[in-house]
Amino acid sequence: MRFGRLDLNLLVALDALLTERSVSLAADRLCLSQSATSSALGRLRDYFGDELLVAKGRNMILTARAEELIDPVQTVLEQIRSTITVVPPFDPATADRQIRIMASDYSTEVLLAPALAEIARAAPGIRFEIQPMNDNPVEMLERGYVDLLLTIDYAISTDHPSQILFEDDYVVVGWEGNPAMQNAMTRECYFQLGHVTARFGKARVAAFDDWFVRRQKQQRRVEVVVPTFLSLAGLVIGTERIATVHRRMAETFVRNLPLVMRETPFSIPSIREAVQWHVSNNNDRALRWVVERLDAAARQTEGAANVVPLGDASPMEGEREQIELEYRMNTPNL
C-alpha cells in the first residue's frame, strides 16, 4: 500500500530503525533478515532524501531529519493501531498465542506456577516463555522482547500501564539446627550472624531487602551472594548463616526443608509485586486476560500466606515515596 510515493509498510520499519538505532536490532524486532532491513533503510533514504542513520565509530546515530521523524511516526502508527485495526474477539479456549514474561524466580515460584496451571486449563493454546530478570527489565519491555514484566512496584516504569498484584513482607530463615534460630531473632543476633543474599545480573543489582538493610546504621556480614532467591535456602542449611526472605517463599521453604523462620528484628517495608505491559499493548485482549488471571491467582494465595493485605496501610506507608526515590537513584537502570 502506498501513500503518494511512500510504501506504508516502511513506516513500521522506520519506527524500528529510529527506536533501535541499529539495523541488526531493528531486524530482530521486525523478525526480518538484516539484508531485508537494510533494503528497507535504503528505500527510506531515497524517499526522504536523507541518510537517517549514519555510522559514528561502532554505533549508528540519527540525523537531524530522523530525530524530527520519531514522534510523528510513532503517533501515526499508534493512531492506526487504535482506530483502524480491527481487534478480533478473544476466546481463551481457542487462543493460540505465546506470551513472554520477565520475572524473578521468587515471582515464578509464588505466583506464576499456580497461575499458569489455572490458565492452562482455561486456555490450553496459550504458551509462555519466562525470562529471568536482567539489568534492564524496562528496556526489554520497551523494545518488545517481553510482553509482561513482573517485579516490585519500585522497579516499574511510570511510562507504561501496570497493576499491583499483591504485597509480601520479610522474615528470617535459618537451619533448624542453628542455635540462633531456637528463639526470637534479636537485632544484635541478626547483625552478628553471617548472611546469604541474592543479587542479580551483570551489575549485581541488590534485592530490595539487601538494599534496604544497607541503609541501617549497622551493616550485616554478607558471607554468600547468590544469583537467585531459590538458592538462599540450600546455603543456610547445615550452617549458622541466615537469610532474609519474602514470607511467601519462606513458608514454602519451611514446609519442604529443615528450616525455621523468625520475624525480622526491625521493620522492612513490605514489597508490592506489580505486573506491567507496554502502553501500545493496552488493548491487547489476550494480555489483559492473562493479567486478570494473575490478579485472581494472587488473591487466592493471599489467605494462605501471612502477608500484609493489599491496600492496608503499613507502619512505613508514609515513607514509601522517599524509599522508592532512594531505591531508584541507587539502583542501576531503573
Protein backbone atom coordinates (compact mmCIF):
# COMPACT_ATOMS: atom_id res chain seq x y z
CA MET A 1 0.00 0.00 0.00
CA ARG A 2 1.33 3.41 -0.96
CA PHE A 3 0.54 6.94 0.14
CA GLY A 4 1.98 9.22 -2.52
CA ARG A 5 5.35 7.60 -3.20
CA LEU A 6 5.70 6.12 0.31
CA ASP A 7 5.17 2.42 0.87
CA LEU A 8 3.22 2.50 4.13
CA ASN A 9 4.73 -0.85 5.15
CA LEU A 10 8.02 1.04 5.52
CA LEU A 11 6.60 3.09 8.40
CA VAL A 12 6.89 0.07 10.71
CA ALA A 13 10.48 -0.48 9.60
CA LEU A 14 11.22 3.22 10.06
CA ASP A 15 9.84 3.18 13.61
CA ALA A 16 12.03 0.18 14.49
CA LEU A 17 15.13 1.78 12.96
CA LEU A 18 14.56 5.10 14.73
CA THR A 19 13.96 3.34 18.05
CA GLU A 20 16.78 0.80 17.92
CA ARG A 21 19.31 2.96 16.01
CA SER A 22 20.72 -0.29 14.67
CA VAL A 23 19.92 -2.31 11.55
CA SER A 24 20.56 -5.63 13.31
CA LEU A 25 18.42 -4.79 16.38
CA ALA A 26 15.66 -3.43 14.15
CA ALA A 27 15.79 -6.65 12.11
CA ASP A 28 15.34 -8.70 15.30
CA ARG A 29 12.38 -6.56 16.33
CA LEU A 30 10.76 -6.84 12.88
CA CYS A 31 11.54 -10.57 12.55
CA LEU A 32 13.28 -9.81 9.23
CA SER A 33 16.73 -10.59 7.92
CA GLN A 34 19.41 -7.88 8.16
CA SER A 35 19.54 -7.67 4.36
CA ALA A 36 15.77 -7.06 4.16
CA THR A 37 16.02 -4.40 6.86
CA SER A 38 18.99 -2.76 5.11
CA SER A 39 16.95 -2.72 1.91
CA ALA A 40 14.08 -1.03 3.75
CA LEU A 41 16.51 1.58 5.11
CA GLY A 42 17.77 2.21 1.57
CA ARG A 43 14.25 2.85 0.29
CA LEU A 44 13.51 5.15 3.23
CA ARG A 45 16.69 7.12 2.48
CA ASP A 46 15.59 7.50 -1.14
CA TYR A 47 12.12 8.70 -0.12
CA PHE A 48 13.25 11.23 2.49
CA GLY A 49 16.40 12.29 0.65
CA ASP A 50 18.30 11.86 3.90
CA GLU A 51 20.68 9.25 5.34
CA LEU A 52 18.53 8.93 8.51
CA LEU A 53 21.11 6.69 10.27
CA VAL A 54 24.83 7.30 9.87
CA ALA A 55 27.80 5.42 11.28
CA LYS A 56 29.80 7.06 14.06
CA GLY A 57 32.56 4.79 15.26
CA ARG A 58 30.96 1.45 16.08
CA ASN A 59 27.49 2.94 16.58
CA MET A 60 24.77 4.43 14.41
CA ILE A 61 23.36 7.86 15.15
CA LEU A 62 20.25 9.61 13.85
CA THR A 63 20.44 12.59 11.53
CA ALA A 64 18.54 15.77 12.41
CA ARG A 65 15.78 14.79 9.96
CA ALA A 66 15.50 11.33 11.60
CA GLU A 67 15.18 12.92 15.05
CA GLU A 68 12.31 15.04 13.71
CA LEU A 69 10.52 11.92 12.46
CA ILE A 70 10.49 9.95 15.74
CA ASP A 71 7.34 11.41 17.31
CA PRO A 72 5.28 11.80 14.09
CA VAL A 73 5.95 8.20 13.02
CA GLN A 74 5.05 6.79 16.46
CA THR A 75 1.89 8.93 16.53
CA VAL A 76 0.76 7.73 13.09
CA LEU A 77 1.35 4.07 13.92
CA GLU A 78 -0.41 4.33 17.28
CA GLN A 79 -3.39 6.02 15.63
CA ILE A 80 -3.57 3.19 13.10
CA ARG A 81 -3.42 0.60 15.89
CA SER A 82 -6.11 2.26 18.00
CA THR A 83 -8.60 3.40 15.33
CA ILE A 84 -8.22 1.25 12.22
CA THR A 85 -7.00 -2.18 13.27
CA VAL A 86 -9.96 -4.47 13.92
CA VAL A 87 -9.50 -6.34 17.18
CA PRO A 88 -10.79 -9.90 16.84
CA PRO A 89 -12.79 -11.30 19.76
CA PHE A 90 -10.68 -13.10 22.33
CA ASP A 91 -11.68 -16.63 23.27
CA PRO A 92 -9.33 -18.25 25.83
CA ALA A 93 -10.41 -21.74 24.82
CA THR A 94 -9.28 -21.28 21.20
CA ALA A 95 -6.49 -18.71 21.65
CA ASP A 96 -3.16 -19.62 20.04
CA ARG A 97 -0.52 -17.30 21.42
CA GLN A 98 2.92 -17.15 23.05
CA ILE A 99 3.40 -14.66 25.88
CA ARG A 100 6.84 -13.75 27.19
CA ILE A 101 7.10 -12.80 30.86
CA MET A 102 10.17 -11.44 32.64
CA ALA A 103 10.07 -12.47 36.30
CA SER A 104 12.34 -13.44 39.17
CA ASP A 105 12.37 -16.99 40.46
CA TYR A 106 10.51 -15.67 43.53
CA SER A 107 7.64 -14.36 41.37
CA THR A 108 7.67 -17.57 39.36
CA GLU A 109 7.51 -19.75 42.47
CA VAL A 110 4.84 -17.92 44.47
CA LEU A 111 2.59 -16.61 41.68
CA LEU A 112 3.31 -17.82 38.16
CA ALA A 113 3.41 -21.53 38.99
CA PRO A 114 -0.16 -21.69 40.36
CA ALA A 115 -1.47 -19.05 37.93
CA LEU A 116 -0.15 -20.75 34.80
CA ALA A 117 -1.61 -24.07 35.95
CA GLU A 118 -5.05 -22.44 36.10
CA ILE A 119 -4.52 -20.69 32.76
CA ALA A 120 -3.56 -24.00 31.11
CA ARG A 121 -6.98 -25.41 31.96
CA ALA A 122 -8.87 -22.42 30.55
CA ALA A 123 -6.58 -21.57 27.63
CA PRO A 124 -4.56 -24.63 26.57
CA GLY A 125 -3.30 -22.91 23.41
CA ILE A 126 -1.54 -20.07 25.23
CA ARG A 127 2.16 -20.77 25.67
CA PHE A 128 4.55 -18.95 27.99
CA GLU A 129 8.24 -18.14 27.96
CA ILE A 130 9.54 -16.99 31.34
CA GLN A 131 12.74 -14.98 31.12
CA PRO A 132 14.99 -14.25 34.13
CA MET A 133 15.41 -10.71 35.39
CA ASN A 134 18.29 -8.83 33.80
CA ASP A 135 19.95 -5.44 34.28
CA ASN A 136 17.44 -3.56 32.09
CA PRO A 137 13.95 -5.02 32.59
CA VAL A 138 12.03 -1.90 31.50
CA GLU A 139 14.18 -1.58 28.38
CA MET A 140 13.35 -5.19 27.47
CA LEU A 141 9.65 -4.32 27.77
CA GLU A 142 10.02 -1.17 25.68
CA ARG A 143 11.92 -2.98 22.93
CA GLY A 144 9.23 -5.62 22.71
CA TYR A 145 11.40 -8.50 23.87
CA VAL A 146 8.92 -9.33 26.66
CA ASP A 147 5.16 -8.84 26.85
CA LEU A 148 4.79 -8.63 30.63
CA LEU A 149 7.18 -7.54 33.36
CA LEU A 150 6.57 -8.94 36.84
CA THR A 151 8.56 -7.11 39.53
CA ILE A 152 8.28 -4.88 42.62
CA ASP A 153 6.48 -1.59 42.12
CA TYR A 154 9.66 0.38 42.91
CA ALA A 155 11.22 -1.03 39.71
CA ILE A 156 8.45 -0.45 37.17
CA SER A 157 8.27 2.49 34.74
CA THR A 158 5.80 5.36 35.07
CA ASP A 159 5.58 5.46 31.24
CA HIS A 160 3.56 2.25 30.90
CA PRO A 161 0.40 0.79 32.46
CA SER A 162 0.75 -1.52 35.45
CA GLN A 163 -1.27 -3.25 38.14
CA ILE A 164 -0.37 -4.12 41.73
CA LEU A 165 -0.99 -7.83 42.35
CA PHE A 166 -0.08 -8.49 45.99
CA GLU A 167 2.05 -7.42 48.93
CA ASP A 168 4.56 -9.51 50.80
CA ASP A 169 6.74 -8.87 53.83
CA TYR A 170 10.05 -10.32 55.05
CA VAL A 171 11.12 -12.92 57.58
CA VAL A 172 14.43 -14.51 58.60
CA VAL A 173 15.06 -18.15 57.69
CA GLY A 174 17.78 -20.43 59.03
CA TRP A 175 18.68 -24.07 59.51
CA GLU A 176 16.63 -25.78 62.23
CA GLY A 177 19.90 -26.89 63.85
CA ASN A 178 21.20 -23.33 64.10
CA PRO A 179 21.26 -22.32 67.81
CA ALA A 180 20.44 -18.72 66.86
CA MET A 181 17.11 -19.86 65.37
CA GLN A 182 15.84 -21.52 68.57
CA ASN A 183 14.42 -18.24 69.92
CA ALA A 184 13.07 -14.98 68.56
CA MET A 185 15.58 -13.15 66.36
CA THR A 186 17.09 -10.08 68.04
CA ARG A 187 18.71 -7.16 66.28
CA GLU A 188 22.05 -7.94 67.94
CA CYS A 189 21.95 -11.56 66.80
CA TYR A 190 20.84 -10.59 63.29
CA PHE A 191 23.89 -8.40 62.72
CA GLN A 192 26.30 -10.83 64.37
CA LEU A 193 25.38 -13.76 62.12
CA GLY A 194 26.63 -14.36 58.58
CA HIS A 195 24.09 -13.76 55.81
CA VAL A 196 23.24 -15.20 52.41
CA THR A 197 21.71 -12.70 49.96
CA ALA A 198 20.69 -12.53 46.30
CA ARG A 199 21.97 -10.10 43.67
CA PHE A 200 21.08 -10.13 40.01
CA GLY A 201 22.56 -9.60 36.55
CA LYS A 202 25.96 -8.36 35.47
CA ALA A 203 25.51 -5.22 37.57
CA ARG A 204 24.86 -7.38 40.68
CA VAL A 205 21.68 -5.45 41.44
CA ALA A 206 20.74 -5.96 45.10
CA ALA A 207 17.44 -7.48 46.12
CA PHE A 208 15.24 -4.91 47.84
CA ASP A 209 15.83 -6.24 51.36
CA ASP A 210 19.62 -6.25 50.76
CA TRP A 211 19.50 -2.63 49.57
CA PHE A 212 17.23 -1.57 52.46
CA VAL A 213 19.31 -3.17 55.21
CA ARG A 214 22.37 -1.31 53.92
CA ARG A 215 20.56 1.88 54.99
CA GLN A 216 20.73 0.77 58.64
CA LYS A 217 23.41 2.16 60.95
CA GLN A 218 24.74 -1.36 61.39
CA GLN A 219 25.90 -3.42 58.42
CA ARG A 220 25.24 -7.14 58.20
CA ARG A 221 28.03 -9.54 57.29
CA VAL A 222 27.23 -10.99 53.86
CA GLU A 223 29.15 -14.25 53.50
CA VAL A 224 27.49 -15.70 50.39
CA VAL A 225 25.95 -13.94 47.37
CA VAL A 226 23.72 -15.99 45.04
CA PRO A 227 22.05 -15.20 41.70
CA THR A 228 18.56 -16.44 42.61
CA PHE A 229 16.14 -16.35 45.53
CA LEU A 230 15.63 -20.11 45.41
CA SER A 231 19.35 -20.64 46.11
CA LEU A 232 19.07 -18.99 49.53
CA ALA A 233 17.55 -21.98 51.34
CA GLY A 234 20.19 -24.55 50.47
CA LEU A 235 23.03 -22.29 51.50
CA VAL A 236 21.83 -21.79 55.08
CA ILE A 237 21.14 -25.49 55.75
CA GLY A 238 23.86 -27.02 57.90
CA THR A 239 25.34 -23.60 58.77
CA GLU A 240 24.83 -20.78 61.24
CA ARG A 241 24.10 -18.36 58.41
CA ILE A 242 20.66 -16.82 57.91
CA ALA A 243 18.79 -15.26 55.00
CA THR A 244 16.15 -12.54 54.82
CA VAL A 245 13.39 -13.88 52.60
CA HIS A 246 9.92 -12.94 51.35
CA ARG A 247 7.39 -14.57 53.66
CA ARG A 248 5.54 -16.36 50.84
CA MET A 249 8.74 -18.05 49.72
CA ALA A 250 9.89 -18.71 53.29
CA GLU A 251 6.68 -20.62 54.01
CA THR A 252 7.42 -22.85 51.02
CA PHE A 253 10.96 -23.38 52.29
CA VAL A 254 9.98 -24.39 55.83
CA ARG A 255 7.30 -26.81 54.58
CA ASN A 256 9.78 -28.74 52.49
CA LEU A 257 13.23 -28.26 54.06
CA PRO A 258 14.84 -28.46 57.54
CA LEU A 259 14.42 -24.71 58.04
CA VAL A 260 12.64 -22.46 60.51
CA MET A 261 11.63 -18.85 60.16
CA ARG A 262 11.55 -15.94 62.58
CA GLU A 263 10.25 -12.39 62.37
CA THR A 264 12.80 -9.74 61.39
CA PRO A 265 14.05 -7.75 64.41
CA PHE A 266 13.35 -4.39 62.70
CA SER A 267 10.83 -3.10 60.18
CA ILE A 268 11.47 -3.68 56.48
CA PRO A 269 8.82 -2.18 54.18
CA SER A 270 6.63 -4.77 52.53
CA ILE A 271 7.11 -5.13 48.78
CA ARG A 272 4.30 -4.72 46.28
CA GLU A 273 4.51 -7.09 43.35
CA ALA A 274 3.29 -5.49 40.13
CA VAL A 275 2.75 -6.56 36.53
CA GLN A 276 3.48 -4.09 33.72
CA TRP A 277 2.86 -4.11 29.98
CA HIS A 278 3.81 -1.71 27.16
CA VAL A 279 1.39 1.16 26.60
CA SER A 280 0.97 0.07 22.97
CA ASN A 281 -0.46 -3.25 24.23
CA ASN A 282 -3.06 -1.69 26.46
CA ASN A 283 -5.85 -3.01 24.22
CA ASP A 284 -4.33 -6.45 23.73
CA ARG A 285 -7.18 -8.64 24.97
CA ALA A 286 -5.06 -11.74 25.45
CA LEU A 287 -2.54 -9.90 27.63
CA ARG A 288 -5.27 -8.22 29.66
CA TRP A 289 -6.96 -11.60 30.19
CA VAL A 290 -3.67 -13.08 31.45
CA VAL A 291 -3.23 -10.10 33.80
CA GLU A 292 -6.73 -10.75 35.17
CA ARG A 293 -5.80 -14.38 35.78
CA LEU A 294 -2.60 -13.35 37.57
CA ASP A 295 -4.61 -10.99 39.75
CA ALA A 296 -7.10 -13.74 40.57
CA ALA A 297 -4.30 -16.16 41.46
CA ALA A 298 -2.67 -13.55 43.71
CA ARG A 299 -5.93 -13.07 45.59
CA GLN A 300 -6.42 -16.81 46.04
CA THR A 301 -2.98 -17.21 47.64
CA GLU A 302 -3.34 -14.16 49.93
CA GLY A 303 -5.19 -16.14 52.57
CA ALA A 304 -2.57 -18.88 52.61
CA ALA A 305 0.33 -16.53 53.27
CA ASN A 306 0.62 -14.40 56.36
CA VAL A 307 1.24 -11.20 54.42
CA VAL A 308 0.23 -7.57 54.58
CA PRO A 309 -3.25 -7.40 52.93
CA LEU A 310 -3.28 -5.42 49.69
CA GLY A 311 -4.39 -1.87 50.35
CA ASP A 312 -3.86 -1.87 54.12
CA ALA A 313 -1.51 0.81 55.40
CA SER A 314 1.69 -0.46 56.94
CA PRO A 315 3.62 1.42 59.64
CA MET A 316 6.05 2.65 57.00
CA GLU A 317 3.45 3.63 54.38
CA GLY A 318 4.28 7.32 54.69
CA GLU A 319 7.90 6.59 53.86
CA ARG A 320 7.25 4.65 50.64
CA GLU A 321 7.72 7.60 48.28
CA GLN A 322 11.05 8.54 49.84
CA ILE A 323 12.21 4.92 49.87
CA GLU A 324 11.18 4.50 46.23
CA LEU A 325 13.08 7.64 45.23
CA GLU A 326 16.23 6.46 47.03
CA TYR A 327 15.91 2.97 45.58
CA ARG A 328 15.61 4.29 42.02
CA MET A 329 18.54 6.68 42.48
CA ASN A 330 20.80 3.93 43.84
CA THR A 331 19.73 1.03 41.61
CA PRO A 332 21.15 0.93 38.06
CA ASN A 333 18.84 1.16 35.05
CA LEU A 334 15.60 1.95 36.90
